[in-house]
Amino acid sequence: MELSAVLTPAGEGGYVAFNPETGTTTQGETVEEALANLREATELYLEEFPLVTSGRALLTTFQIAVHA
């Protein structure tokens, strides 16, 4: 099963990893560690709450105006 991962730098160092399909979130000191932790957390989540998918996730970006 292929799922999405969104990684953002953590303020205290390392990365926060989020899976939008399940809502699972974790962290790690490196990208690899954050992804490994997210994989484990998501697998555990899916054991209790199986995922019913209706297609693949779409990731895009958008811009907003920034007021000074």
Protein backbone atom coordinates (compact mmCIF):
# COMPACT_ATOMS: atom_id res chain seq x y z
CA MET A 1 0.00 0.00 0.00
CA GLU A 2 1.39 3.38 -0.95
CA LEU A 3 0.56 6.28 1.38
CA SER A 4 1.59 9.93 1.61
CA ALA A 5 4.06 11.51 4.01
CA VAL A 6 4.44 15.22 4.70
CA LEU A 7 7.66 16.13 6.50
CA THR A 8 8.34 19.53 8.03
CA PRO A 9 11.36 20.71 9.98
CA ALA A 10 10.73 20.73 13.75
CA GLY A 11 11.58 23.88 15.68
CA GLU A 12 13.78 21.96 18.13
CA GLY A 13 15.54 20.04 15.31
CA GLY A 14 14.69 16.98 13.32
CA TYR A 15 11.45 16.48 11.41
CA VAL A 16 7.75 16.02 12.07
CA ALA A 17 6.16 13.42 9.77
CA PHE A 18 2.43 13.37 9.02
CA ASN A 19 0.32 10.89 7.05
CA PRO A 20 -2.80 12.69 5.77
CA GLU A 21 -4.72 9.52 4.90
CA THR A 22 -4.75 8.29 8.52
CA GLY A 23 -3.82 11.37 10.54
CA THR A 24 -0.83 9.62 12.12
CA THR A 25 1.99 11.92 13.15
CA THR A 26 5.45 11.27 14.55
CA GLN A 27 8.96 12.70 14.48
CA GLY A 28 12.60 11.79 14.00
CA GLU A 29 16.05 13.34 14.02
CA THR A 30 16.55 12.63 10.29
CA VAL A 31 14.22 12.28 7.31
CA GLU A 32 14.90 8.54 7.28
CA GLU A 33 14.14 8.17 10.99
CA ALA A 34 10.98 10.26 10.74
CA LEU A 35 9.74 8.13 7.82
CA ALA A 36 10.57 4.88 9.63
CA ASN A 37 8.69 6.09 12.71
CA LEU A 38 5.75 7.19 10.56
CA ARG A 39 5.68 3.82 8.81
CA GLU A 40 5.56 2.01 12.16
CA ALA A 41 2.90 4.32 13.64
CA THR A 42 0.75 4.04 10.52
CA GLU A 43 1.01 0.24 10.39
CA LEU A 44 -0.09 0.05 14.04
CA TYR A 45 -2.97 2.46 13.37
CA LEU A 46 -4.14 0.45 10.36
CA GLU A 47 -4.22 -2.77 12.41
CA GLU A 48 -7.05 -1.21 14.45
CA PHE A 49 -8.62 1.05 11.83
CA PRO A 50 -8.41 -0.39 8.29
CA LEU A 51 -8.23 2.24 5.59
CA VAL A 52 -10.91 2.41 2.92
CA THR A 53 -9.45 4.35 0.02
CA SER A 54 -11.22 5.85 -2.94
CA GLY A 55 -8.10 6.73 -4.89
CA ARG A 56 -4.64 8.18 -4.53
CA ALA A 57 -3.93 11.34 -2.59
CA LEU A 58 -3.14 14.49 -4.55
CA LEU A 59 -0.46 16.80 -3.19
CA THR A 60 -0.29 20.34 -4.47
CA THR A 61 0.71 23.80 -3.27
CA PHE A 62 -0.93 27.21 -3.24
CA GLN A 63 0.16 30.77 -2.56
CA ILE A 64 -1.26 33.41 -0.27
CA ALA A 65 -0.61 37.12 -0.02
CA VAL A 66 1.63 38.09 2.88
CA HIS A 67 0.89 41.43 4.52
CA ALA A 68 3.75 43.18 6.25
